[in-house]
Amino acid sequence: MKFLFDLFPVILFFIAYRFGTSNQDTAHALALEYMGGLIAGGSITPEQSPIILATAVGIVATVLQIGYLLVRGRKVDGMLWLSLAVIVVMGGATIYFHDENFIKWKPTILYWAFAVVLFVAQVVFRKNLMRKGMEAQIKLPDAVWDRVGYAWIAFMAAMGVLNLVMAFIVFKGNTSAWVSFKMFGATGLFFAFVVIQTLMLSKHMQEEPEDIV
């Protein structure tokens, strides 16, 4: 369930974009009616409307995601706040300038921001954030936790580069293909990374010591 909850904005972004491409006239009308005042010049072309609509939905979905946690009295992870800041800034720029390149940079900025936060915490402050988030579920030796942290730093950095390659080289001029990669390709890579890492860590997992009666 947490996996789906984390993907909530991405899923709605994908659905909104697909709706917009299949119903371009409706998407265009919705974008002009509800976001006309936020768009430079007050107008966009019908071809621009799907990404504008999807971006707005992604922003609202992230706000709702955080709002749900706050209403339930749950802690909002710092990374989620960072995600909100990035999508508001880059998504807002996408809508205002009606330029899809801004939202295409959003995943890379977020991946690299995560990598920097993890790196600074682990190297400068000697605080392994991955260990902090995962230690309640698994027990590992200190040296292995260090490798886990560096693995996530490298993975996030690589994902940032990959997003740029897919957005501006492989799928240049094909926003639909990039949106599909964002939904299925990037998500699949995250899932594969977690599975592979779990398998590799299984031999290092330590059992909880039994209580002595």
C-alpha atoms as a PDB file:
ATOM      1  CA  MET A   1       0.000   0.000   0.000  1.00  0.00           C
ATOM      2  CA  LYS A   2       2.815   2.433   0.836  1.00  0.00           C
ATOM      3  CA  PHE A   3       4.313   1.800  -2.594  1.00  0.00           C
ATOM      4  CA  LEU A   4       1.032   2.806  -4.271  1.00  0.00           C
ATOM      5  CA  PHE A   5       0.640   5.779  -1.936  1.00  0.00           C
ATOM      6  CA  ASP A   6       4.114   7.026  -2.855  1.00  0.00           C
ATOM      7  CA  LEU A   7       3.247   6.637  -6.543  1.00  0.00           C
ATOM      8  CA  PHE A   8      -0.092   8.472  -6.181  1.00  0.00           C
ATOM      9  CA  PRO A   9       1.009  11.730  -7.915  1.00  0.00           C
ATOM     10  CA  VAL A  10       2.861   9.832 -10.670  1.00  0.00           C
ATOM     11  CA  ILE A  11      -0.157   7.626 -11.385  1.00  0.00           C
ATOM     12  CA  LEU A  12      -2.551  10.582 -11.552  1.00  0.00           C
ATOM     13  CA  PHE A  13      -0.082  12.505 -13.722  1.00  0.00           C
ATOM     14  CA  PHE A  14      -0.018   9.581 -16.154  1.00  0.00           C
ATOM     15  CA  ILE A  15      -3.816   9.196 -16.173  1.00  0.00           C
ATOM     16  CA  ALA A  16      -4.352  12.928 -16.704  1.00  0.00           C
ATOM     17  CA  TYR A  17      -1.860  13.008 -19.565  1.00  0.00           C
ATOM     18  CA  ARG A  18      -3.453  10.000 -21.280  1.00  0.00           C
ATOM     19  CA  PHE A  19      -6.874  11.581 -20.838  1.00  0.00           C
ATOM     20  CA  GLY A  20      -5.562  14.805 -22.339  1.00  0.00           C
ATOM     21  CA  THR A  21      -4.051  13.136 -25.374  1.00  0.00           C
ATOM     22  CA  SER A  22      -7.221  11.133 -26.015  1.00  0.00           C
ATOM     23  CA  ASN A  23      -9.545  14.094 -25.409  1.00  0.00           C
ATOM     24  CA  GLN A  24      -7.440  17.023 -26.551  1.00  0.00           C
ATOM     25  CA  ASP A  25     -10.327  19.455 -27.060  1.00  0.00           C
ATOM     26  CA  THR A  26     -11.678  18.763 -23.572  1.00  0.00           C
ATOM     27  CA  ALA A  27      -8.203  19.034 -22.032  1.00  0.00           C
ATOM     28  CA  HIS A  28      -7.651  22.303 -23.877  1.00  0.00           C
ATOM     29  CA  ALA A  29     -10.938  23.727 -22.599  1.00  0.00           C
ATOM     30  CA  LEU A  30     -10.196  22.619 -19.024  1.00  0.00           C
ATOM     31  CA  ALA A  31      -6.685  24.061 -19.103  1.00  0.00           C
ATOM     32  CA  LEU A  32      -7.911  27.436 -20.373  1.00  0.00           C
ATOM     33  CA  GLU A  33     -10.860  27.577 -17.979  1.00  0.00           C
ATOM     34  CA  TYR A  34      -9.016  26.682 -14.782  1.00  0.00           C
ATOM     35  CA  MET A  35      -5.449  27.757 -15.539  1.00  0.00           C
ATOM     36  CA  GLY A  36      -5.793  30.512 -18.105  1.00  0.00           C
ATOM     37  CA  GLY A  37      -4.860  33.110 -15.501  1.00  0.00           C
ATOM     38  CA  LEU A  38      -1.679  31.194 -14.621  1.00  0.00           C
ATOM     39  CA  ILE A  39      -0.447  30.895 -18.200  1.00  0.00           C
ATOM     40  CA  ALA A  40       1.770  33.570 -19.729  1.00  0.00           C
ATOM     41  CA  GLY A  41      -0.273  35.200 -22.478  1.00  0.00           C
ATOM     42  CA  GLY A  42      -3.397  33.459 -21.179  1.00  0.00           C
ATOM     43  CA  SER A  43      -3.482  30.904 -23.961  1.00  0.00           C
ATOM     44  CA  ILE A  44      -1.948  27.598 -25.067  1.00  0.00           C
ATOM     45  CA  THR A  45      -2.304  25.404 -28.132  1.00  0.00           C
ATOM     46  CA  PRO A  46      -4.411  22.234 -27.988  1.00  0.00           C
ATOM     47  CA  GLU A  47      -1.201  20.196 -28.387  1.00  0.00           C
ATOM     48  CA  GLN A  48       0.206  21.739 -25.189  1.00  0.00           C
ATOM     49  CA  SER A  49      -2.903  21.078 -23.114  1.00  0.00           C
ATOM     50  CA  PRO A  50      -2.250  17.412 -22.096  1.00  0.00           C
ATOM     51  CA  ILE A  51       1.073  18.124 -20.370  1.00  0.00           C
ATOM     52  CA  ILE A  52      -0.306  21.328 -18.797  1.00  0.00           C
ATOM     53  CA  LEU A  53      -3.324  19.451 -17.425  1.00  0.00           C
ATOM     54  CA  ALA A  54      -1.192  16.534 -16.207  1.00  0.00           C
ATOM     55  CA  THR A  55       1.246  18.886 -14.502  1.00  0.00           C
ATOM     56  CA  ALA A  56      -1.562  20.658 -12.642  1.00  0.00           C
ATOM     57  CA  VAL A  57      -2.987  17.286 -11.557  1.00  0.00           C
ATOM     58  CA  GLY A  58       0.479  16.199 -10.358  1.00  0.00           C
ATOM     59  CA  ILE A  59       0.823  19.324  -8.208  1.00  0.00           C
ATOM     60  CA  VAL A  60      -2.649  18.916  -6.693  1.00  0.00           C
ATOM     61  CA  ALA A  61      -2.054  15.188  -6.080  1.00  0.00           C
ATOM     62  CA  THR A  62       1.164  15.910  -4.164  1.00  0.00           C
ATOM     63  CA  VAL A  63      -0.605  18.545  -2.056  1.00  0.00           C
ATOM     64  CA  LEU A  64      -3.419  16.074  -1.305  1.00  0.00           C
ATOM     65  CA  GLN A  65      -0.866  13.394  -0.457  1.00  0.00           C
ATOM     66  CA  ILE A  66       0.744  15.604   2.181  1.00  0.00           C
ATOM     67  CA  GLY A  67      -2.624  16.897   3.374  1.00  0.00           C
ATOM     68  CA  TYR A  68      -3.827  13.329   3.953  1.00  0.00           C
ATOM     69  CA  LEU A  69      -0.820  12.578   6.140  1.00  0.00           C
ATOM     70  CA  LEU A  70      -1.263  15.784   8.135  1.00  0.00           C
ATOM     71  CA  VAL A  71      -4.972  15.163   8.709  1.00  0.00           C
ATOM     72  CA  ARG A  72      -4.193  11.626   9.896  1.00  0.00           C
ATOM     73  CA  GLY A  73      -1.613  13.025  12.295  1.00  0.00           C
ATOM     74  CA  ARG A  74       1.246  11.220  10.577  1.00  0.00           C
ATOM     75  CA  LYS A  75       4.749  12.536  10.084  1.00  0.00           C
ATOM     76  CA  VAL A  76       5.468  13.928   6.631  1.00  0.00           C
ATOM     77  CA  ASP A  77       8.868  12.738   5.488  1.00  0.00           C
ATOM     78  CA  GLY A  78      11.327  15.477   4.560  1.00  0.00           C
ATOM     79  CA  MET A  79      11.744  13.941   1.119  1.00  0.00           C
ATOM     80  CA  LEU A  80       8.024  14.385   0.481  1.00  0.00           C
ATOM     81  CA  TRP A  81       8.245  18.069   1.373  1.00  0.00           C
ATOM     82  CA  LEU A  82      11.173  18.338  -1.027  1.00  0.00           C
ATOM     83  CA  SER A  83       9.137  16.581  -3.715  1.00  0.00           C
ATOM     84  CA  LEU A  84       6.331  19.102  -3.210  1.00  0.00           C
ATOM     85  CA  ALA A  85       8.733  22.034  -3.509  1.00  0.00           C
ATOM     86  CA  VAL A  86      10.268  20.702  -6.720  1.00  0.00           C
ATOM     87  CA  ILE A  87       6.973  19.914  -8.449  1.00  0.00           C
ATOM     88  CA  VAL A  88       5.479  23.272  -7.446  1.00  0.00           C
ATOM     89  CA  VAL A  89       8.483  25.175  -8.835  1.00  0.00           C
ATOM     90  CA  MET A  90       9.082  23.118 -11.987  1.00  0.00           C
ATOM     91  CA  GLY A  91       5.402  22.373 -12.550  1.00  0.00           C
ATOM     92  CA  GLY A  92       4.518  25.998 -12.010  1.00  0.00           C
ATOM     93  CA  ALA A  93       7.136  27.012 -14.570  1.00  0.00           C
ATOM     94  CA  THR A  94       5.729  24.433 -17.009  1.00  0.00           C
ATOM     95  CA  ILE A  95       2.239  25.896 -16.686  1.00  0.00           C
ATOM     96  CA  TYR A  96       3.266  29.569 -16.730  1.00  0.00           C
ATOM     97  CA  PHE A  97       5.674  29.326 -19.645  1.00  0.00           C
ATOM     98  CA  HIS A  98       3.680  26.434 -21.240  1.00  0.00           C
ATOM     99  CA  ASP A  99       7.023  24.708 -21.735  1.00  0.00           C
ATOM    100  CA  GLU A 100       7.160  20.944 -21.089  1.00  0.00           C
ATOM    101  CA  ASN A 101      10.935  20.999 -20.646  1.00  0.00           C
ATOM    102  CA  PHE A 102      10.542  22.224 -17.075  1.00  0.00           C
ATOM    103  CA  ILE A 103       8.453  19.247 -15.946  1.00  0.00           C
ATOM    104  CA  LYS A 104      10.833  16.912 -17.779  1.00  0.00           C
ATOM    105  CA  TRP A 105      13.657  18.227 -15.592  1.00  0.00           C
ATOM    106  CA  LYS A 106      11.609  17.681 -12.420  1.00  0.00           C
ATOM    107  CA  PRO A 107      12.471  13.967 -11.866  1.00  0.00           C
ATOM    108  CA  THR A 108      16.182  14.632 -12.408  1.00  0.00           C
ATOM    109  CA  ILE A 109      16.233  17.521  -9.941  1.00  0.00           C
ATOM    110  CA  LEU A 110      14.388  15.382  -7.408  1.00  0.00           C
ATOM    111  CA  TYR A 111      16.673  12.350  -7.892  1.00  0.00           C
ATOM    112  CA  TRP A 112      19.791  14.476  -7.606  1.00  0.00           C
ATOM    113  CA  ALA A 113      18.421  16.327  -4.577  1.00  0.00           C
ATOM    114  CA  PHE A 114      17.802  12.984  -2.860  1.00  0.00           C
ATOM    115  CA  ALA A 115      21.323  11.855  -3.769  1.00  0.00           C
ATOM    116  CA  VAL A 116      22.858  15.055  -2.382  1.00  0.00           C
ATOM    117  CA  VAL A 117      20.840  14.836   0.855  1.00  0.00           C
ATOM    118  CA  LEU A 118      21.843  11.187   1.360  1.00  0.00           C
ATOM    119  CA  PHE A 119      25.494  11.936   0.529  1.00  0.00           C
ATOM    120  CA  VAL A 120      25.807  14.964   2.795  1.00  0.00           C
ATOM    121  CA  ALA A 121      24.056  13.181   5.660  1.00  0.00           C
ATOM    122  CA  GLN A 122      26.255  10.087   5.376  1.00  0.00           C
ATOM    123  CA  VAL A 123      29.612  11.662   4.563  1.00  0.00           C
ATOM    124  CA  VAL A 124      29.477  15.001   6.366  1.00  0.00           C
ATOM    125  CA  PHE A 125      27.186  14.305   9.325  1.00  0.00           C
ATOM    126  CA  ARG A 126      27.862  10.558   9.620  1.00  0.00           C
ATOM    127  CA  LYS A 127      24.140   9.897   9.581  1.00  0.00           C
ATOM    128  CA  ASN A 128      22.924   7.091   7.314  1.00  0.00           C
ATOM    129  CA  LEU A 129      19.380   8.056   6.340  1.00  0.00           C
ATOM    130  CA  MET A 130      18.721   4.738   4.602  1.00  0.00           C
ATOM    131  CA  ARG A 131      19.626   2.927   7.810  1.00  0.00           C
ATOM    132  CA  LYS A 132      17.355   5.203   9.781  1.00  0.00           C
ATOM    133  CA  GLY A 133      14.453   4.432   7.465  1.00  0.00           C
ATOM    134  CA  MET A 134      15.013   0.696   7.091  1.00  0.00           C
ATOM    135  CA  GLU A 135      16.532  -0.492  10.363  1.00  0.00           C
ATOM    136  CA  ALA A 136      13.138  -1.143  11.931  1.00  0.00           C
ATOM    137  CA  GLN A 137      12.522  -3.809   9.280  1.00  0.00           C
ATOM    138  CA  ILE A 138      15.989  -5.365   8.862  1.00  0.00           C
ATOM    139  CA  LYS A 139      19.166  -5.678  10.918  1.00  0.00           C
ATOM    140  CA  LEU A 140      22.519  -5.397   9.163  1.00  0.00           C
ATOM    141  CA  PRO A 141      26.166  -4.950  10.164  1.00  0.00           C
ATOM    142  CA  ASP A 142      27.417  -1.360  10.213  1.00  0.00           C
ATOM    143  CA  ALA A 143      29.692  -1.872   7.194  1.00  0.00           C
ATOM    144  CA  VAL A 144      26.793  -3.213   5.147  1.00  0.00           C
ATOM    145  CA  TRP A 145      24.610  -0.261   6.054  1.00  0.00           C
ATOM    146  CA  ASP A 146      27.337   2.025   4.684  1.00  0.00           C
ATOM    147  CA  ARG A 147      27.242   0.168   1.367  1.00  0.00           C
ATOM    148  CA  VAL A 148      23.437   0.409   1.296  1.00  0.00           C
ATOM    149  CA  GLY A 149      23.647   4.166   1.693  1.00  0.00           C
ATOM    150  CA  TYR A 150      26.221   4.577  -1.064  1.00  0.00           C
ATOM    151  CA  ALA A 151      24.251   2.252  -3.346  1.00  0.00           C
ATOM    152  CA  TRP A 152      21.178   4.466  -3.039  1.00  0.00           C
ATOM    153  CA  ILE A 153      23.258   7.600  -3.637  1.00  0.00           C
ATOM    154  CA  ALA A 154      24.697   6.099  -6.829  1.00  0.00           C
ATOM    155  CA  PHE A 155      21.297   4.820  -7.967  1.00  0.00           C
ATOM    156  CA  MET A 156      19.605   8.195  -7.486  1.00  0.00           C
ATOM    157  CA  ALA A 157      22.403   9.992  -9.311  1.00  0.00           C
ATOM    158  CA  ALA A 158      22.189   7.500 -12.200  1.00  0.00           C
ATOM    159  CA  MET A 159      18.399   7.811 -12.388  1.00  0.00           C
ATOM    160  CA  GLY A 160      18.769  11.574 -12.711  1.00  0.00           C
ATOM    161  CA  VAL A 161      21.097  11.160 -15.678  1.00  0.00           C
ATOM    162  CA  LEU A 162      18.878   8.484 -17.233  1.00  0.00           C
ATOM    163  CA  ASN A 163      15.823  10.730 -17.069  1.00  0.00           C
ATOM    164  CA  LEU A 164      17.638  13.453 -19.000  1.00  0.00           C
ATOM    165  CA  VAL A 165      18.816  10.955 -21.613  1.00  0.00           C
ATOM    166  CA  MET A 166      15.304   9.586 -22.095  1.00  0.00           C
ATOM    167  CA  ALA A 167      13.593  12.998 -22.069  1.00  0.00           C
ATOM    168  CA  PHE A 168      15.950  14.970 -24.307  1.00  0.00           C
ATOM    169  CA  ILE A 169      17.768  12.381 -26.422  1.00  0.00           C
ATOM    170  CA  VAL A 170      15.962   9.046 -26.754  1.00  0.00           C
ATOM    171  CA  PHE A 171      12.428  10.495 -26.650  1.00  0.00           C
ATOM    172  CA  LYS A 172      13.221  14.012 -27.821  1.00  0.00           C
ATOM    173  CA  GLY A 173      10.041  15.492 -29.268  1.00  0.00           C
ATOM    174  CA  ASN A 174       7.972  12.549 -28.039  1.00  0.00           C
ATOM    175  CA  THR A 175       6.479  13.608 -24.724  1.00  0.00           C
ATOM    176  CA  SER A 176       4.043  10.700 -24.709  1.00  0.00           C
ATOM    177  CA  ALA A 177       6.893   8.174 -24.754  1.00  0.00           C
ATOM    178  CA  TRP A 178       8.678  10.029 -21.945  1.00  0.00           C
ATOM    179  CA  VAL A 179       5.508  10.034 -19.807  1.00  0.00           C
ATOM    180  CA  SER A 180       5.222   6.256 -20.318  1.00  0.00           C
ATOM    181  CA  PHE A 181       8.881   5.824 -19.336  1.00  0.00           C
ATOM    182  CA  LYS A 182       8.304   7.944 -16.229  1.00  0.00           C
ATOM    183  CA  MET A 183       5.348   5.786 -15.221  1.00  0.00           C
ATOM    184  CA  PHE A 184       6.553   2.310 -16.146  1.00  0.00           C
ATOM    185  CA  GLY A 185      10.278   2.463 -16.912  1.00  0.00           C
ATOM    186  CA  ALA A 186      11.458   4.489 -13.921  1.00  0.00           C
ATOM    187  CA  THR A 187       9.049   2.710 -11.561  1.00  0.00           C
ATOM    188  CA  GLY A 188      10.192  -0.664 -12.869  1.00  0.00           C
ATOM    189  CA  LEU A 189      13.840   0.257 -12.336  1.00  0.00           C
ATOM    190  CA  PHE A 190      13.140   1.297  -8.742  1.00  0.00           C
ATOM    191  CA  PHE A 191      11.321  -1.964  -8.102  1.00  0.00           C
ATOM    192  CA  ALA A 192      14.115  -4.006  -9.691  1.00  0.00           C
ATOM    193  CA  PHE A 193      16.757  -2.142  -7.677  1.00  0.00           C
ATOM    194  CA  VAL A 194      14.924  -2.812  -4.411  1.00  0.00           C
ATOM    195  CA  VAL A 195      14.451  -6.502  -5.239  1.00  0.00           C
ATOM    196  CA  ILE A 196      18.088  -6.990  -6.254  1.00  0.00           C
ATOM    197  CA  GLN A 197      19.339  -5.122  -3.202  1.00  0.00           C
ATOM    198  CA  THR A 198      17.093  -7.181  -0.916  1.00  0.00           C
ATOM    199  CA  LEU A 199      18.423 -10.410  -2.391  1.00  0.00           C
ATOM    200  CA  MET A 200      22.004  -9.244  -1.981  1.00  0.00           C
ATOM    201  CA  LEU A 201      21.395  -8.146   1.612  1.00  0.00           C
ATOM    202  CA  SER A 202      19.605 -11.332   2.652  1.00  0.00           C
ATOM    203  CA  LYS A 203      22.877 -13.096   3.445  1.00  0.00           C
ATOM    204  CA  HIS A 204      23.891 -10.254   5.753  1.00  0.00           C
ATOM    205  CA  MET A 205      20.612  -9.940   7.671  1.00  0.00           C
ATOM    206  CA  GLN A 206      20.961 -10.530  11.378  1.00  0.00           C
ATOM    207  CA  GLU A 207      18.351 -12.216  13.488  1.00  0.00           C
ATOM    208  CA  GLU A 208      17.029 -10.501  16.583  1.00  0.00           C
ATOM    209  CA  PRO A 209      18.628 -11.946  19.722  1.00  0.00           C
ATOM    210  CA  GLU A 210      16.224 -14.116  21.691  1.00  0.00           C
ATOM    211  CA  ASP A 211      15.211 -12.981  25.157  1.00  0.00           C
ATOM    212  CA  ILE A 212      16.778 -15.002  27.922  1.00  0.00           C
ATOM    213  CA  VAL A 213      14.207 -16.027  30.488  1.00  0.00           C
END
